[in-house]
Structures are given as structure tokens and as C-alpha cells.
Amino acid sequence: MDANDVYNVAKALSSEEYLKLIKLLNKDLEEKNKLKTSKKAVVDFTVEDGIKYLIENYFNKVRKP
């Protein structure tokens, strides 16, 4: 079965059933998109945060010879 067959069957539905079908398809698409976008959230750093981190961790570090 291809998309054209499904489309023709969907057009034969009553308007109420057609809306239910659309909601179900949108729900499936949203669930698939959630699975694909399971990346870790990136922490939002400001320039000041970056400078503070560099000063504390690299420039003020005591280096042993």
C-alpha cells in the first residue's frame, strides 16, 4: 500500500473520522521527532562566564616545573 491509496481511503472518511486520523498521525510524528532529538541540552554560557572559567582554571593555575 502506498501513500496515494491511504490518501484516497482517508478522503472517503467522514469529517469527524478524518480529523481523528490527522490527530493520530500528528501524534505519531511528534513521538518520532522526540526520539530523534534526544540530544543533551547545551548550557547557556555568557562571555563573562567563559572569561571567569579561563581565569580560574588556566591563568591562576600554579604550574610545576
N, C-alpha and C. Protein backbone atom coordinates (compact mmCIF):
# COMPACT_ATOMS: atom_id res chain seq x y z
N MET A 1 0.86 -1.17 0.00
CA MET A 1 0.00 0.00 0.00
C MET A 1 0.91 1.24 0.00
N ASP A 2 0.56 2.22 -0.80
CA ASP A 2 1.35 3.43 -0.84
C ASP A 2 0.53 4.62 -0.36
N ALA A 3 1.15 5.77 -0.34
CA ALA A 3 0.52 6.97 0.22
C ALA A 3 -0.73 7.38 -0.57
N ASN A 4 -0.73 7.17 -1.86
CA ASN A 4 -1.91 7.54 -2.65
C ASN A 4 -3.13 6.70 -2.27
N ASP A 5 -2.92 5.41 -2.01
CA ASP A 5 -4.02 4.55 -1.58
C ASP A 5 -4.57 5.01 -0.24
N VAL A 6 -3.67 5.30 0.67
CA VAL A 6 -4.08 5.74 2.01
C VAL A 6 -4.82 7.08 1.91
N TYR A 7 -4.33 7.96 1.06
CA TYR A 7 -4.96 9.26 0.89
C TYR A 7 -6.39 9.10 0.38
N ASN A 8 -6.59 8.22 -0.59
CA ASN A 8 -7.94 8.00 -1.14
C ASN A 8 -8.87 7.42 -0.09
N VAL A 9 -8.37 6.51 0.74
CA VAL A 9 -9.19 5.95 1.81
C VAL A 9 -9.51 7.04 2.84
N ALA A 10 -8.53 7.86 3.17
CA ALA A 10 -8.74 8.92 4.16
C ALA A 10 -9.76 9.93 3.67
N LYS A 11 -9.74 10.24 2.39
CA LYS A 11 -10.72 11.20 1.84
C LYS A 11 -12.13 10.64 1.88
N ALA A 12 -12.28 9.30 1.93
CA ALA A 12 -13.59 8.68 1.98
C ALA A 12 -14.17 8.69 3.40
N LEU A 13 -13.36 9.02 4.38
CA LEU A 13 -13.83 9.07 5.76
C LEU A 13 -14.76 10.25 5.98
N SER A 14 -15.56 10.14 7.04
CA SER A 14 -16.37 11.30 7.43
C SER A 14 -15.43 12.37 7.98
N SER A 15 -15.92 13.58 8.06
CA SER A 15 -15.06 14.68 8.51
C SER A 15 -14.57 14.46 9.94
N GLU A 16 -15.41 13.86 10.77
CA GLU A 16 -15.02 13.60 12.16
C GLU A 16 -13.90 12.56 12.22
N GLU A 17 -14.03 11.48 11.47
CA GLU A 17 -13.00 10.45 11.45
C GLU A 17 -11.73 10.95 10.78
N TYR A 18 -11.88 11.82 9.80
CA TYR A 18 -10.72 12.40 9.12
C TYR A 18 -9.89 13.23 10.09
N LEU A 19 -10.56 14.01 10.94
CA LEU A 19 -9.86 14.82 11.94
C LEU A 19 -9.17 13.92 12.98
N LYS A 20 -9.82 12.82 13.37
CA LYS A 20 -9.20 11.88 14.30
C LYS A 20 -7.93 11.29 13.69
N LEU A 21 -7.99 10.95 12.41
CA LEU A 21 -6.83 10.38 11.73
C LEU A 21 -5.68 11.38 11.70
N ILE A 22 -6.00 12.62 11.42
CA ILE A 22 -4.96 13.66 11.38
C ILE A 22 -4.30 13.80 12.76
N LYS A 23 -5.10 13.80 13.82
CA LYS A 23 -4.55 13.91 15.18
C LYS A 23 -3.64 12.73 15.50
N LEU A 24 -4.06 11.52 15.11
CA LEU A 24 -3.24 10.34 15.38
C LEU A 24 -1.93 10.39 14.61
N LEU A 25 -1.97 10.82 13.35
CA LEU A 25 -0.75 10.92 12.56
C LEU A 25 0.19 11.98 13.12
N ASN A 26 -0.35 13.10 13.54
CA ASN A 26 0.48 14.15 14.14
C ASN A 26 1.11 13.67 15.44
N LYS A 27 0.36 12.91 16.23
CA LYS A 27 0.89 12.37 17.48
C LYS A 27 2.06 11.43 17.20
N ASP A 28 1.91 10.57 16.19
CA ASP A 28 3.00 9.65 15.82
C ASP A 28 4.23 10.41 15.36
N LEU A 29 4.03 11.45 14.57
CA LEU A 29 5.16 12.24 14.08
C LEU A 29 5.88 12.94 15.22
N GLU A 30 5.13 13.47 16.18
CA GLU A 30 5.75 14.15 17.32
C GLU A 30 6.57 13.17 18.15
N GLU A 31 6.07 11.95 18.34
CA GLU A 31 6.81 10.96 19.11
C GLU A 31 8.09 10.56 18.40
N LYS A 32 8.05 10.42 17.09
CA LYS A 32 9.25 10.07 16.34
C LYS A 32 10.26 11.20 16.38
N ASN A 33 9.80 12.44 16.32
CA ASN A 33 10.70 13.59 16.39
C ASN A 33 11.35 13.70 17.76
N LYS A 34 10.62 13.35 18.82
CA LYS A 34 11.19 13.39 20.16
C LYS A 34 12.31 12.38 20.30
N LEU A 35 12.15 11.22 19.70
CA LEU A 35 13.18 10.19 19.78
C LEU A 35 14.43 10.61 19.03
N LYS A 36 14.28 11.29 17.93
CA LYS A 36 15.42 11.70 17.13
C LYS A 36 16.18 12.85 17.78
N THR A 37 15.49 13.69 18.52
CA THR A 37 16.13 14.87 19.10
C THR A 37 16.41 14.67 20.58
N SER A 38 17.02 13.57 20.92
CA SER A 38 17.32 13.30 22.33
C SER A 38 18.74 13.73 22.66
N LYS A 39 19.16 14.88 22.14
CA LYS A 39 20.48 15.41 22.44
C LYS A 39 20.47 16.06 23.82
N LYS A 40 21.63 16.08 24.44
CA LYS A 40 21.73 16.74 25.74
C LYS A 40 21.61 18.25 25.53
N ALA A 41 20.98 18.89 26.46
CA ALA A 41 20.82 20.34 26.39
C ALA A 41 22.16 21.02 26.61
N VAL A 42 22.43 22.02 25.84
CA VAL A 42 23.67 22.76 25.96
C VAL A 42 23.47 23.87 26.98
N VAL A 43 24.41 23.98 27.90
CA VAL A 43 24.32 25.01 28.92
C VAL A 43 24.62 26.35 28.28
N ASP A 44 23.84 27.33 28.62
CA ASP A 44 23.98 28.65 28.03
C ASP A 44 24.99 29.47 28.85
N PHE A 45 26.20 29.63 28.32
CA PHE A 45 27.24 30.40 28.97
C PHE A 45 27.31 31.79 28.36
N THR A 46 27.60 32.75 29.20
CA THR A 46 27.84 34.10 28.70
C THR A 46 29.34 34.27 28.50
N VAL A 47 29.72 35.34 27.86
CA VAL A 47 31.14 35.63 27.66
C VAL A 47 31.82 35.80 29.01
N GLU A 48 31.14 36.44 29.95
CA GLU A 48 31.71 36.65 31.27
C GLU A 48 31.95 35.31 31.98
N ASP A 49 31.03 34.37 31.81
CA ASP A 49 31.22 33.05 32.41
C ASP A 49 32.45 32.37 31.82
N GLY A 50 32.64 32.49 30.52
CA GLY A 50 33.80 31.90 29.86
C GLY A 50 35.10 32.51 30.34
N ILE A 51 35.14 33.82 30.46
CA ILE A 51 36.34 34.51 30.94
C ILE A 51 36.65 34.11 32.37
N LYS A 52 35.62 34.05 33.21
CA LYS A 52 35.80 33.66 34.61
C LYS A 52 36.35 32.23 34.70
N TYR A 53 35.82 31.33 33.89
CA TYR A 53 36.29 29.95 33.89
C TYR A 53 37.76 29.87 33.47
N LEU A 54 38.12 30.59 32.41
CA LEU A 54 39.51 30.57 31.95
C LEU A 54 40.46 31.12 33.00
N ILE A 55 40.09 32.21 33.64
CA ILE A 55 40.95 32.81 34.66
C ILE A 55 41.13 31.86 35.83
N GLU A 56 40.03 31.27 36.30
CA GLU A 56 40.11 30.38 37.46
C GLU A 56 40.85 29.08 37.16
N ASN A 57 40.71 28.54 35.97
CA ASN A 57 41.24 27.22 35.68
C ASN A 57 42.55 27.19 34.90
N TYR A 58 42.90 28.26 34.23
CA TYR A 58 44.10 28.23 33.42
C TYR A 58 45.12 29.30 33.78
N PHE A 59 44.68 30.50 33.98
CA PHE A 59 45.62 31.58 34.22
C PHE A 59 46.09 31.65 35.67
N ASN A 60 45.29 31.22 36.61
CA ASN A 60 45.67 31.25 38.02
C ASN A 60 46.21 29.92 38.50
N LYS A 61 46.38 28.98 37.61
CA LYS A 61 46.86 27.66 37.98
C LYS A 61 48.37 27.71 38.25
N VAL A 62 48.77 27.10 39.35
CA VAL A 62 50.19 27.05 39.70
C VAL A 62 50.80 25.93 38.88
N ARG A 63 51.81 26.28 38.08
CA ARG A 63 52.43 25.30 37.22
C ARG A 63 53.71 24.78 37.87
N LYS A 64 53.86 23.48 37.87
CA LYS A 64 55.05 22.87 38.44
C LYS A 64 56.06 22.62 37.30
N PRO A 65 57.32 22.94 37.57
CA PRO A 65 58.33 22.75 36.52
C PRO A 65 58.65 21.31 36.22
